[in-house]
Each structure stands twice: as C-alpha cells, then as structure tokens.
C-alpha cells in the first residue's frame, strides 16, 4: 500500500458548551482531520480563519495534532462558532454565527492551491463549508471528493453537487427504509459512486455499483457526548478504504467488496453464537470499529478552553 493523505476543505468552528463554560475545537472538516490522523492517515486542513481567540485556538490545536494548515485563508473578523448544550448525553445545538468570516469571504482558489491539492488521495468537504460554487474547480484536480450532506439536502442540491462527488454520506435516521433507499439512489443517479446512508443506532447502508450493503451498529455502554460521532464514522470509513487499497485509490472495487463481504461474514458469526460480552460489542468491519472507538470523545479530557 502506498502512503495516503486526506485534505479537508471547508469549515472550522469552536463548539461553545454553555452548560460547562468551555469551548472545544470542531467543525466537520477539523473533526475529519483529527479522526483521520487517529486512524493513521496524515491529513491537511484548508479553510478560513478569523482574527479572534476562537481562530487562534483552533490553529493552535491543529498545529499540535500535526495537521498542515499552510494553505488556509485568514480574514479580519469573527471565526465560526456554535453554541451547544447537553441533554443527557446528546449534544443539542442552540445557535451559531453561521461560519463567521467563512460565509463572508470566498476561497478564490488558485492554480497553486490546485497543485497542492493534487498531492492528496481524497478531498473531504460538506454542506456547511460554503463550497458549492468551487466544486467544479476542485474536481479538475482529479482527486476524489467525499461530501457530507448531513440531513439537509434537497433534490436540487443533489443535482447541483453530486456530479462532482465520488463518495457521499447521507444522514437518514429520520427517513423510512423506503425513503432512505430512494434518496441514496438519487445521489447515485447523479453520479456518486459510493453512497453511505447512516441510520443512527440501527447501523448504516452503502450503495455501490447498484448493490446495497448493510452494517449493524454496536451498542456503546458509556456515551458521554455524541458530538462528532458521524464525522468519526465517515472518517474511519474513508481511511479504511484508502489504507486497504494497494494503490491508495479510493475506488478499489476488490477492496470495497472484500470489506462488505467480511462484514456479512462476521455478522453471521455473531448471530450464530451467544458469545461473551466482549464479542457482543465487537464490530463487524474494520472501518466501523475504528470509528466507534473514536466517536465517544470525552470533552472533559479533550482540548478545550474556558469561555469568557
């Protein structure tokens, strides 16, 4: 396997937990960089920073994690932030500044940026990154694009974005099985090669080459905070595909099918025996196993700063 690298282009924020008076670095792109690094895949972040304490803190943490931010944009003004609280162990968003400077300034990508991006195996971005108009240009780099549509896509949005996307994740827990399958197929019909549809604690589905694969979720006994759970899952999924490919290519069909077949085999094995407590908590696919290990971030121990 050749060395693989991921670049995340888009959002960065600090999550301000009003219930604790602390803030934590975040944003889907920053989370993806951190989780990729934890899965053994070097990553870089290309985004927009403001000039305030939030921006300085996020840059400090990214430096400490060894994540390259050399091509980021810097603007005067407020960095992105979100206000969060906890209800039980589930995070609840109370509001945000909608990305701060990120929504006010375009990326204005250059040919130099494009040459830099060509050095990566995968581009990750999402619908919170104000990047839709830049996708045609990024697509010319010839690097596969992974895109997180969260729960907020529309038919028009899929039609606009999907032609430039190689792998997509749709959060489908709010949909019926029939609606989930239909929405995943829409993304595939618009050109997405791998469509991942997550359904929360009930697992996830992947649509690939007209075939649908299913992986069950694993019960977690000690959930502290669900923030970043979806990002850790998607990052681990992408890292597993890249690391398992001899060429480092995302779409190595034999690798993808091998992973899915392994998942089915292990699920059958789990159903066939009662197993120990540890067996029942084991996960069926390597990529999911890594994601679940990362998803339960303990905000009391992670990087944070007291909110003034």
C-alpha atoms as a PDB file:
ATOM      1  CA  UNK A   1       0.000   0.000   0.000  1.00  0.00           C
ATOM      2  CA  UNK A   2       1.311   3.446  -0.917  1.00  0.00           C
ATOM      3  CA  UNK A   3       1.100   6.298   1.584  1.00  0.00           C
ATOM      4  CA  UNK A   4      -2.289   8.010   1.575  1.00  0.00           C
ATOM      5  CA  UNK A   5      -3.304  11.512   2.623  1.00  0.00           C
ATOM      6  CA  UNK A   6      -6.620  13.326   3.089  1.00  0.00           C
ATOM      7  CA  UNK A   7      -7.272  17.043   2.764  1.00  0.00           C
ATOM      8  CA  UNK A   8     -10.379  18.549   4.341  1.00  0.00           C
ATOM      9  CA  UNK A   9     -11.517  21.792   2.728  1.00  0.00           C
ATOM     10  CA  UNK A  10     -14.129  23.864   4.496  1.00  0.00           C
ATOM     11  CA  UNK A  11     -15.481  24.590   7.954  1.00  0.00           C
ATOM     12  CA  UNK A  12     -13.840  25.094  11.313  1.00  0.00           C
ATOM     13  CA  UNK A  13     -15.625  26.255  14.455  1.00  0.00           C
ATOM     14  CA  UNK A  14     -15.400  26.123  18.203  1.00  0.00           C
ATOM     15  CA  UNK A  15     -18.268  24.436  19.989  1.00  0.00           C
ATOM     16  CA  UNK A  16     -19.108  26.584  22.992  1.00  0.00           C
ATOM     17  CA  UNK A  17     -20.726  24.401  25.645  1.00  0.00           C
ATOM     18  CA  UNK A  18     -22.849  26.839  27.607  1.00  0.00           C
ATOM     19  CA  UNK A  19     -23.609  24.138  30.165  1.00  0.00           C
ATOM     20  CA  UNK A  20     -19.887  23.920  31.031  1.00  0.00           C
ATOM     21  CA  UNK A  21     -18.490  27.327  30.164  1.00  0.00           C
ATOM     22  CA  UNK A  22     -15.913  25.687  27.885  1.00  0.00           C
ATOM     23  CA  UNK A  23     -15.281  25.559  24.158  1.00  0.00           C
ATOM     24  CA  UNK A  24     -13.816  22.785  22.039  1.00  0.00           C
ATOM     25  CA  UNK A  25     -12.330  22.905  18.534  1.00  0.00           C
ATOM     26  CA  UNK A  26     -14.606  21.420  15.911  1.00  0.00           C
ATOM     27  CA  UNK A  27     -16.365  21.744  12.618  1.00  0.00           C
ATOM     28  CA  UNK A  28     -16.784  18.748  10.346  1.00  0.00           C
ATOM     29  CA  UNK A  29     -13.587  19.362   8.389  1.00  0.00           C
ATOM     30  CA  UNK A  30     -11.464  19.831  11.505  1.00  0.00           C
ATOM     31  CA  UNK A  31     -13.044  16.740  13.063  1.00  0.00           C
ATOM     32  CA  UNK A  32     -12.294  14.748   9.926  1.00  0.00           C
ATOM     33  CA  UNK A  33      -8.632  15.795  10.020  1.00  0.00           C
ATOM     34  CA  UNK A  34      -8.313  14.771  13.662  1.00  0.00           C
ATOM     35  CA  UNK A  35     -10.065  11.427  13.153  1.00  0.00           C
ATOM     36  CA  UNK A  36      -8.050  10.662  10.000  1.00  0.00           C
ATOM     37  CA  UNK A  37      -4.830  11.254  11.937  1.00  0.00           C
ATOM     38  CA  UNK A  38      -6.097   8.985  14.722  1.00  0.00           C
ATOM     39  CA  UNK A  39      -6.698   6.309  12.076  1.00  0.00           C
ATOM     40  CA  UNK A  40      -3.107   6.608  10.874  1.00  0.00           C
ATOM     41  CA  UNK A  41      -3.789   8.738   7.786  1.00  0.00           C
ATOM     42  CA  UNK A  42      -1.953  12.099   7.531  1.00  0.00           C
ATOM     43  CA  UNK A  43      -4.291  14.997   6.847  1.00  0.00           C
ATOM     44  CA  UNK A  44      -4.302  18.670   5.984  1.00  0.00           C
ATOM     45  CA  UNK A  45      -6.883  21.379   6.502  1.00  0.00           C
ATOM     46  CA  UNK A  46      -7.662  24.185   4.063  1.00  0.00           C
ATOM     47  CA  UNK A  47     -10.200  26.602   5.439  1.00  0.00           C
ATOM     48  CA  UNK A  48     -10.937  30.168   6.535  1.00  0.00           C
ATOM     49  CA  UNK A  49      -9.855  31.585   9.878  1.00  0.00           C
ATOM     50  CA  UNK A  50     -10.985  34.782  11.534  1.00  0.00           C
ATOM     51  CA  UNK A  51      -8.829  37.025  13.698  1.00  0.00           C
ATOM     52  CA  UNK A  52     -10.288  36.286  17.134  1.00  0.00           C
ATOM     53  CA  UNK A  53      -9.490  33.978  20.040  1.00  0.00           C
ATOM     54  CA  UNK A  54     -11.502  31.123  18.526  1.00  0.00           C
ATOM     55  CA  UNK A  55      -9.433  31.221  15.330  1.00  0.00           C
ATOM     56  CA  UNK A  56      -6.146  31.338  17.251  1.00  0.00           C
ATOM     57  CA  UNK A  57      -7.178  28.430  19.444  1.00  0.00           C
ATOM     58  CA  UNK A  58      -8.245  26.221  16.543  1.00  0.00           C
ATOM     59  CA  UNK A  59      -4.966  26.869  14.751  1.00  0.00           C
ATOM     60  CA  UNK A  60      -3.030  26.028  17.922  1.00  0.00           C
ATOM     61  CA  UNK A  61      -4.797  22.687  18.284  1.00  0.00           C
ATOM     62  CA  UNK A  62      -4.353  21.796  14.605  1.00  0.00           C
ATOM     63  CA  UNK A  63      -0.619  22.535  14.914  1.00  0.00           C
ATOM     64  CA  UNK A  64      -0.420  20.295  17.980  1.00  0.00           C
ATOM     65  CA  UNK A  65      -2.129  17.485  16.038  1.00  0.00           C
ATOM     66  CA  UNK A  66       0.425  17.799  13.229  1.00  0.00           C
ATOM     67  CA  UNK A  67      -2.192  18.862  10.671  1.00  0.00           C
ATOM     68  CA  UNK A  68      -0.921  21.082   7.838  1.00  0.00           C
ATOM     69  CA  UNK A  69      -2.806  24.396   7.646  1.00  0.00           C
ATOM     70  CA  UNK A  70      -0.316  26.208   5.424  1.00  0.00           C
ATOM     71  CA  UNK A  71      -2.831  26.965   2.664  1.00  0.00           C
ATOM     72  CA  UNK A  72      -5.604  28.346   4.875  1.00  0.00           C
ATOM     73  CA  UNK A  73      -7.158  31.774   4.373  1.00  0.00           C
ATOM     74  CA  UNK A  74      -7.063  34.452   7.079  1.00  0.00           C
ATOM     75  CA  UNK A  75      -9.566  37.288   7.382  1.00  0.00           C
ATOM     76  CA  UNK A  76     -10.347  40.033   9.857  1.00  0.00           C
ATOM     77  CA  UNK A  77     -13.444  39.187  11.827  1.00  0.00           C
ATOM     78  CA  UNK A  78     -15.212  36.526  13.820  1.00  0.00           C
ATOM     79  CA  UNK A  79     -14.312  32.881  13.390  1.00  0.00           C
ATOM     80  CA  UNK A  80     -17.093  30.330  13.171  1.00  0.00           C
ATOM     81  CA  UNK A  81     -18.589  29.078  16.418  1.00  0.00           C
ATOM     82  CA  UNK A  82     -21.604  27.136  17.610  1.00  0.00           C
ATOM     83  CA  UNK A  83     -23.418  27.292  20.950  1.00  0.00           C
ATOM     84  CA  UNK A  84     -24.108  23.865  22.390  1.00  0.00           C
ATOM     85  CA  UNK A  85     -25.573  22.229  25.453  1.00  0.00           C
ATOM     86  CA  UNK A  86     -26.139  18.652  26.546  1.00  0.00           C
ATOM     87  CA  UNK A  87     -29.445  16.940  27.179  1.00  0.00           C
ATOM     88  CA  UNK A  88     -28.462  13.704  28.824  1.00  0.00           C
ATOM     89  CA  UNK A  89     -25.527  12.591  26.689  1.00  0.00           C
ATOM     90  CA  UNK A  90     -26.837  14.032  23.429  1.00  0.00           C
ATOM     91  CA  UNK A  91     -25.489  17.339  22.169  1.00  0.00           C
ATOM     92  CA  UNK A  92     -28.035  19.984  21.229  1.00  0.00           C
ATOM     93  CA  UNK A  93     -27.179  22.984  19.059  1.00  0.00           C
ATOM     94  CA  UNK A  94     -28.597  26.261  20.323  1.00  0.00           C
ATOM     95  CA  UNK A  95     -27.360  28.532  17.541  1.00  0.00           C
ATOM     96  CA  UNK A  96     -24.276  29.741  15.703  1.00  0.00           C
ATOM     97  CA  UNK A  97     -22.795  32.629  13.739  1.00  0.00           C
ATOM     98  CA  UNK A  98     -23.174  30.585  10.527  1.00  0.00           C
ATOM     99  CA  UNK A  99     -19.432  30.231   9.992  1.00  0.00           C
ATOM    100  CA  UNK A 100     -18.408  33.807  10.738  1.00  0.00           C
ATOM    101  CA  UNK A 101     -15.872  35.004   8.166  1.00  0.00           C
ATOM    102  CA  UNK A 102     -16.360  31.781   6.196  1.00  0.00           C
ATOM    103  CA  UNK A 103     -19.732  32.899   4.895  1.00  0.00           C
ATOM    104  CA  UNK A 104     -18.480  36.399   4.065  1.00  0.00           C
ATOM    105  CA  UNK A 105     -15.402  35.531   2.001  1.00  0.00           C
ATOM    106  CA  UNK A 106     -14.891  33.168  -0.927  1.00  0.00           C
ATOM    107  CA  UNK A 107     -11.974  30.760  -1.202  1.00  0.00           C
ATOM    108  CA  UNK A 108     -10.724  32.200  -4.519  1.00  0.00           C
ATOM    109  CA  UNK A 109      -8.739  29.051  -5.238  1.00  0.00           C
ATOM    110  CA  UNK A 110      -5.602  29.470  -7.311  1.00  0.00           C
ATOM    111  CA  UNK A 111      -3.591  27.189  -9.570  1.00  0.00           C
ATOM    112  CA  UNK A 112      -1.073  26.919  -6.724  1.00  0.00           C
ATOM    113  CA  UNK A 113      -3.846  25.594  -4.477  1.00  0.00           C
ATOM    114  CA  UNK A 114      -4.823  23.104  -7.153  1.00  0.00           C
ATOM    115  CA  UNK A 115      -1.288  21.741  -7.469  1.00  0.00           C
ATOM    116  CA  UNK A 116      -1.132  21.384  -3.685  1.00  0.00           C
ATOM    117  CA  UNK A 117      -4.463  19.543  -3.593  1.00  0.00           C
ATOM    118  CA  UNK A 118      -3.280  17.134  -6.295  1.00  0.00           C
ATOM    119  CA  UNK A 119      -0.837  15.719  -3.745  1.00  0.00           C
ATOM    120  CA  UNK A 120      -3.679  14.129  -1.756  1.00  0.00           C
ATOM    121  CA  UNK A 121      -5.687  10.952  -2.293  1.00  0.00           C
ATOM    122  CA  UNK A 122      -9.004  12.397  -1.165  1.00  0.00           C
ATOM    123  CA  UNK A 123     -10.766  15.720  -0.663  1.00  0.00           C
ATOM    124  CA  UNK A 124     -13.319  15.844   2.155  1.00  0.00           C
ATOM    125  CA  UNK A 125     -15.902  18.634   2.428  1.00  0.00           C
ATOM    126  CA  UNK A 126     -19.533  19.196   3.395  1.00  0.00           C
ATOM    127  CA  UNK A 127     -22.624  21.344   3.064  1.00  0.00           C
ATOM    128  CA  UNK A 128     -21.528  23.684   5.882  1.00  0.00           C
ATOM    129  CA  UNK A 129     -18.427  24.854   4.023  1.00  0.00           C
ATOM    130  CA  UNK A 130     -19.807  27.399   1.525  1.00  0.00           C
ATOM    131  CA  UNK A 131     -18.007  25.486  -1.191  1.00  0.00           C
ATOM    132  CA  UNK A 132     -20.691  24.508  -3.685  1.00  0.00           C
ATOM    133  CA  UNK A 133     -19.573  27.014  -6.315  1.00  0.00           C
ATOM    134  CA  UNK A 134     -15.954  25.821  -6.026  1.00  0.00           C
ATOM    135  CA  UNK A 135     -16.656  22.136  -6.644  1.00  0.00           C
ATOM    136  CA  UNK A 136     -16.222  22.311 -10.447  1.00  0.00           C
ATOM    137  CA  UNK A 137     -12.741  23.812  -9.987  1.00  0.00           C
ATOM    138  CA  UNK A 138     -11.734  21.338  -7.253  1.00  0.00           C
ATOM    139  CA  UNK A 139     -12.965  18.500  -9.450  1.00  0.00           C
ATOM    140  CA  UNK A 140     -10.324  19.398 -12.066  1.00  0.00           C
ATOM    141  CA  UNK A 141      -7.623  18.296  -9.600  1.00  0.00           C
ATOM    142  CA  UNK A 142      -8.566  14.698 -10.377  1.00  0.00           C
ATOM    143  CA  UNK A 143      -8.777  13.873  -6.666  1.00  0.00           C
ATOM    144  CA  UNK A 144     -11.939  12.065  -5.467  1.00  0.00           C
ATOM    145  CA  UNK A 145     -14.273  14.242  -3.408  1.00  0.00           C
ATOM    146  CA  UNK A 146     -16.105  12.924  -0.337  1.00  0.00           C
ATOM    147  CA  UNK A 147     -19.106  15.006   0.693  1.00  0.00           C
ATOM    148  CA  UNK A 148     -21.247  15.023   3.823  1.00  0.00           C
ATOM    149  CA  UNK A 149     -24.828  16.056   3.035  1.00  0.00           C
ATOM    150  CA  UNK A 150     -25.961  15.743   6.682  1.00  0.00           C
ATOM    151  CA  UNK A 151     -29.795  15.725   6.767  1.00  0.00           C
ATOM    152  CA  UNK A 152     -30.365  18.924   4.815  1.00  0.00           C
ATOM    153  CA  UNK A 153     -30.201  18.040   1.131  1.00  0.00           C
ATOM    154  CA  UNK A 154     -32.887  18.678  -1.455  1.00  0.00           C
ATOM    155  CA  UNK A 155     -33.374  17.265  -4.945  1.00  0.00           C
ATOM    156  CA  UNK A 156     -31.977  20.484  -6.422  1.00  0.00           C
ATOM    157  CA  UNK A 157     -28.955  20.373  -4.099  1.00  0.00           C
ATOM    158  CA  UNK A 158     -28.165  16.766  -5.009  1.00  0.00           C
ATOM    159  CA  UNK A 159     -28.428  17.619  -8.688  1.00  0.00           C
ATOM    160  CA  UNK A 160     -26.007  20.528  -8.257  1.00  0.00           C
ATOM    161  CA  UNK A 161     -23.391  18.861  -6.050  1.00  0.00           C
ATOM    162  CA  UNK A 162     -23.384  15.126  -6.809  1.00  0.00           C
ATOM    163  CA  UNK A 163     -21.785  15.274 -10.297  1.00  0.00           C
ATOM    164  CA  UNK A 164     -18.520  16.313  -8.603  1.00  0.00           C
ATOM    165  CA  UNK A 165     -18.691  13.819  -5.710  1.00  0.00           C
ATOM    166  CA  UNK A 166     -17.252  10.305  -5.587  1.00  0.00           C
ATOM    167  CA  UNK A 167     -18.442   9.229  -2.146  1.00  0.00           C
ATOM    168  CA  UNK A 168     -21.350  10.758  -0.217  1.00  0.00           C
ATOM    169  CA  UNK A 169     -22.772  10.322   3.248  1.00  0.00           C
ATOM    170  CA  UNK A 170     -26.441  10.991   3.940  1.00  0.00           C
ATOM    171  CA  UNK A 171     -27.782  11.014   7.493  1.00  0.00           C
ATOM    172  CA  UNK A 172     -31.022   9.068   7.101  1.00  0.00           C
ATOM    173  CA  UNK A 173     -32.187   8.213  10.618  1.00  0.00           C
ATOM    174  CA  UNK A 174     -35.235  10.451  10.125  1.00  0.00           C
ATOM    175  CA  UNK A 175     -36.338   8.596   6.978  1.00  0.00           C
ATOM    176  CA  UNK A 176     -38.296   5.410   6.454  1.00  0.00           C
ATOM    177  CA  UNK A 177     -36.454   2.491   4.848  1.00  0.00           C
ATOM    178  CA  UNK A 178     -38.195   3.199   1.556  1.00  0.00           C
ATOM    179  CA  UNK A 179     -37.342   6.892   1.639  1.00  0.00           C
ATOM    180  CA  UNK A 180     -33.723   6.197   2.596  1.00  0.00           C
ATOM    181  CA  UNK A 181     -33.253   3.822  -0.316  1.00  0.00           C
ATOM    182  CA  UNK A 182     -34.843   6.329  -2.687  1.00  0.00           C
ATOM    183  CA  UNK A 183     -32.657   9.237  -1.533  1.00  0.00           C
ATOM    184  CA  UNK A 184     -29.483   7.154  -1.740  1.00  0.00           C
ATOM    185  CA  UNK A 185     -30.414   6.123  -5.265  1.00  0.00           C
ATOM    186  CA  UNK A 186     -30.920   9.759  -6.235  1.00  0.00           C
ATOM    187  CA  UNK A 187     -27.325  10.523  -5.257  1.00  0.00           C
ATOM    188  CA  UNK A 188     -26.112   7.519  -7.242  1.00  0.00           C
ATOM    189  CA  UNK A 189     -28.174   8.546 -10.271  1.00  0.00           C
ATOM    190  CA  UNK A 190     -26.437  11.937 -10.207  1.00  0.00           C
ATOM    191  CA  UNK A 191     -23.030  10.277 -10.415  1.00  0.00           C
ATOM    192  CA  UNK A 192     -21.915   9.384  -6.880  1.00  0.00           C
ATOM    193  CA  UNK A 193     -20.022   6.073  -6.919  1.00  0.00           C
ATOM    194  CA  UNK A 194     -20.325   5.200  -3.210  1.00  0.00           C
ATOM    195  CA  UNK A 195     -23.357   6.365  -1.234  1.00  0.00           C
ATOM    196  CA  UNK A 196     -23.298   5.806   2.529  1.00  0.00           C
ATOM    197  CA  UNK A 197     -26.602   6.185   4.370  1.00  0.00           C
ATOM    198  CA  UNK A 198     -26.433   6.131   8.161  1.00  0.00           C
ATOM    199  CA  UNK A 199     -29.443   5.388  10.351  1.00  0.00           C
ATOM    200  CA  UNK A 200     -28.093   6.109  13.817  1.00  0.00           C
ATOM    201  CA  UNK A 201     -28.126   3.245  16.291  1.00  0.00           C
ATOM    202  CA  UNK A 202     -29.637   0.947  13.663  1.00  0.00           C
ATOM    203  CA  UNK A 203     -26.452   0.926  11.564  1.00  0.00           C
ATOM    204  CA  UNK A 204     -25.713   2.038   8.017  1.00  0.00           C
ATOM    205  CA  UNK A 205     -26.154   1.123   4.376  1.00  0.00           C
ATOM    206  CA  UNK A 206     -23.853   1.504   1.406  1.00  0.00           C
ATOM    207  CA  UNK A 207     -24.989   1.663  -2.201  1.00  0.00           C
ATOM    208  CA  UNK A 208     -22.209   0.682  -4.610  1.00  0.00           C
ATOM    209  CA  UNK A 209     -22.481  -0.414  -8.245  1.00  0.00           C
ATOM    210  CA  UNK A 210     -26.216  -0.994  -7.829  1.00  0.00           C
ATOM    211  CA  UNK A 211     -25.808  -3.254  -4.794  1.00  0.00           C
ATOM    212  CA  UNK A 212     -26.753  -2.337  -1.229  1.00  0.00           C
ATOM    213  CA  UNK A 213     -24.684  -3.494   1.742  1.00  0.00           C
ATOM    214  CA  UNK A 214     -25.675  -3.229   5.409  1.00  0.00           C
ATOM    215  CA  UNK A 215     -23.578  -2.987   8.593  1.00  0.00           C
ATOM    216  CA  UNK A 216     -25.221  -3.088  12.013  1.00  0.00           C
ATOM    217  CA  UNK A 217     -24.269  -0.639  14.746  1.00  0.00           C
ATOM    218  CA  UNK A 218     -22.619  -1.628  18.001  1.00  0.00           C
ATOM    219  CA  UNK A 219     -24.008  -0.696  21.386  1.00  0.00           C
ATOM    220  CA  UNK A 220     -21.784   1.682  23.326  1.00  0.00           C
ATOM    221  CA  UNK A 221     -22.071   1.371  27.085  1.00  0.00           C
ATOM    222  CA  UNK A 222     -20.521   4.704  28.047  1.00  0.00           C
ATOM    223  CA  UNK A 223     -21.681   7.506  25.782  1.00  0.00           C
ATOM    224  CA  UNK A 224     -20.510  10.829  27.191  1.00  0.00           C
ATOM    225  CA  UNK A 225     -21.188  13.164  24.279  1.00  0.00           C
ATOM    226  CA  UNK A 226     -22.392  12.394  20.747  1.00  0.00           C
ATOM    227  CA  UNK A 227     -20.631  15.399  19.207  1.00  0.00           C
ATOM    228  CA  UNK A 228     -18.574  14.318  16.200  1.00  0.00           C
ATOM    229  CA  UNK A 229     -19.961  10.777  16.073  1.00  0.00           C
ATOM    230  CA  UNK A 230     -20.940  10.981  12.409  1.00  0.00           C
ATOM    231  CA  UNK A 231     -17.646  12.621  11.466  1.00  0.00           C
ATOM    232  CA  UNK A 232     -15.646   9.865  13.167  1.00  0.00           C
ATOM    233  CA  UNK A 233     -17.683   7.205  11.380  1.00  0.00           C
ATOM    234  CA  UNK A 234     -17.248   8.759   7.933  1.00  0.00           C
ATOM    235  CA  UNK A 235     -13.548   9.466   8.507  1.00  0.00           C
ATOM    236  CA  UNK A 236     -12.898   5.877   9.581  1.00  0.00           C
ATOM    237  CA  UNK A 237     -14.890   4.581   6.595  1.00  0.00           C
ATOM    238  CA  UNK A 238     -12.807   6.665   4.179  1.00  0.00           C
ATOM    239  CA  UNK A 239      -9.499   5.843   5.869  1.00  0.00           C
ATOM    240  CA  UNK A 240     -10.240   2.134   5.751  1.00  0.00           C
ATOM    241  CA  UNK A 241     -10.926   2.221   2.013  1.00  0.00           C
ATOM    242  CA  UNK A 242      -7.776   4.214   1.292  1.00  0.00           C
ATOM    243  CA  UNK A 243      -5.471   2.188   3.536  1.00  0.00           C
ATOM    244  CA  UNK A 244      -6.764  -1.118   2.194  1.00  0.00           C
ATOM    245  CA  UNK A 245      -6.052  -0.202  -1.429  1.00  0.00           C
ATOM    246  CA  UNK A 246      -2.694  -1.254  -2.841  1.00  0.00           C
ATOM    247  CA  UNK A 247      -2.617   1.880  -4.982  1.00  0.00           C
ATOM    248  CA  UNK A 248      -4.139   4.260  -2.444  1.00  0.00           C
ATOM    249  CA  UNK A 249      -7.099   4.778  -4.778  1.00  0.00           C
ATOM    250  CA  UNK A 250     -10.465   5.267  -3.139  1.00  0.00           C
ATOM    251  CA  UNK A 251     -12.381   3.166  -5.659  1.00  0.00           C
ATOM    252  CA  UNK A 252     -10.573  -0.129  -5.495  1.00  0.00           C
ATOM    253  CA  UNK A 253     -13.565  -2.348  -6.215  1.00  0.00           C
ATOM    254  CA  UNK A 254     -11.980  -5.525  -4.929  1.00  0.00           C
ATOM    255  CA  UNK A 255     -11.177  -3.879  -1.593  1.00  0.00           C
ATOM    256  CA  UNK A 256     -14.661  -2.455  -1.177  1.00  0.00           C
ATOM    257  CA  UNK A 257     -16.355  -5.770  -1.918  1.00  0.00           C
ATOM    258  CA  UNK A 258     -13.943  -7.605   0.373  1.00  0.00           C
ATOM    259  CA  UNK A 259     -14.790  -5.238   3.229  1.00  0.00           C
ATOM    260  CA  UNK A 260     -18.524  -5.677   2.721  1.00  0.00           C
ATOM    261  CA  UNK A 261     -18.228  -9.461   2.446  1.00  0.00           C
ATOM    262  CA  UNK A 262     -16.169  -9.548   5.638  1.00  0.00           C
ATOM    263  CA  UNK A 263     -18.872  -7.560   7.382  1.00  0.00           C
ATOM    264  CA  UNK A 264     -21.588 -10.012   6.347  1.00  0.00           C
ATOM    265  CA  UNK A 265     -19.470 -12.992   7.414  1.00  0.00           C
ATOM    266  CA  UNK A 266     -18.768 -11.556  10.849  1.00  0.00           C
ATOM    267  CA  UNK A 267     -22.403 -10.629  11.434  1.00  0.00           C
ATOM    268  CA  UNK A 268     -23.443 -14.210  10.636  1.00  0.00           C
ATOM    269  CA  UNK A 269     -20.835 -15.453  13.086  1.00  0.00           C
ATOM    270  CA  UNK A 270     -22.099 -13.093  15.793  1.00  0.00           C
ATOM    271  CA  UNK A 271     -25.698 -14.213  15.297  1.00  0.00           C
ATOM    272  CA  UNK A 272     -24.710 -17.883  15.379  1.00  0.00           C
ATOM    273  CA  UNK A 273     -23.284 -17.818  18.905  1.00  0.00           C
ATOM    274  CA  UNK A 274     -24.182 -16.145  22.158  1.00  0.00           C
ATOM    275  CA  UNK A 275     -20.564 -15.018  22.664  1.00  0.00           C
ATOM    276  CA  UNK A 276     -19.030 -13.151  25.541  1.00  0.00           C
ATOM    277  CA  UNK A 277     -19.796  -9.571  26.460  1.00  0.00           C
ATOM    278  CA  UNK A 278     -16.670  -8.512  24.556  1.00  0.00           C
ATOM    279  CA  UNK A 279     -17.800 -10.491  21.493  1.00  0.00           C
ATOM    280  CA  UNK A 280     -21.184  -8.806  21.519  1.00  0.00           C
ATOM    281  CA  UNK A 281     -19.508  -5.417  21.492  1.00  0.00           C
ATOM    282  CA  UNK A 282     -17.087  -6.288  18.681  1.00  0.00           C
ATOM    283  CA  UNK A 283     -17.829  -4.596  15.377  1.00  0.00           C
ATOM    284  CA  UNK A 284     -18.227  -6.255  12.006  1.00  0.00           C
ATOM    285  CA  UNK A 285     -15.990  -4.076   9.812  1.00  0.00           C
ATOM    286  CA  UNK A 286     -12.575  -2.575  10.448  1.00  0.00           C
ATOM    287  CA  UNK A 287     -13.643   0.888   9.337  1.00  0.00           C
ATOM    288  CA  UNK A 288     -16.650   0.910  11.653  1.00  0.00           C
ATOM    289  CA  UNK A 289     -14.619  -0.483  14.544  1.00  0.00           C
ATOM    290  CA  UNK A 290     -12.166   2.403  14.312  1.00  0.00           C
ATOM    291  CA  UNK A 291     -14.945   4.940  14.024  1.00  0.00           C
ATOM    292  CA  UNK A 292     -16.782   3.700  17.094  1.00  0.00           C
ATOM    293  CA  UNK A 293     -13.609   3.823  19.124  1.00  0.00           C
ATOM    294  CA  UNK A 294     -13.191   7.484  18.203  1.00  0.00           C
ATOM    295  CA  UNK A 295     -16.772   8.627  18.380  1.00  0.00           C
ATOM    296  CA  UNK A 296     -17.094   8.817  22.145  1.00  0.00           C
ATOM    297  CA  UNK A 297     -14.945  11.872  22.653  1.00  0.00           C
ATOM    298  CA  UNK A 298     -14.763  12.819  26.309  1.00  0.00           C
ATOM    299  CA  UNK A 299     -14.938  16.616  26.280  1.00  0.00           C
ATOM    300  CA  UNK A 300     -13.683  16.742  29.855  1.00  0.00           C
ATOM    301  CA  UNK A 301     -10.349  15.279  28.723  1.00  0.00           C
ATOM    302  CA  UNK A 302     -10.078  16.677  25.194  1.00  0.00           C
ATOM    303  CA  UNK A 303      -8.636  20.050  24.169  1.00  0.00           C
ATOM    304  CA  UNK A 304     -10.769  22.860  25.492  1.00  0.00           C
ATOM    305  CA  UNK A 305     -10.644  26.443  26.660  1.00  0.00           C
ATOM    306  CA  UNK A 306     -12.805  28.180  29.194  1.00  0.00           C
ATOM    307  CA  UNK A 307     -15.282  30.520  27.520  1.00  0.00           C
ATOM    308  CA  UNK A 308     -15.047  34.028  28.880  1.00  0.00           C
END
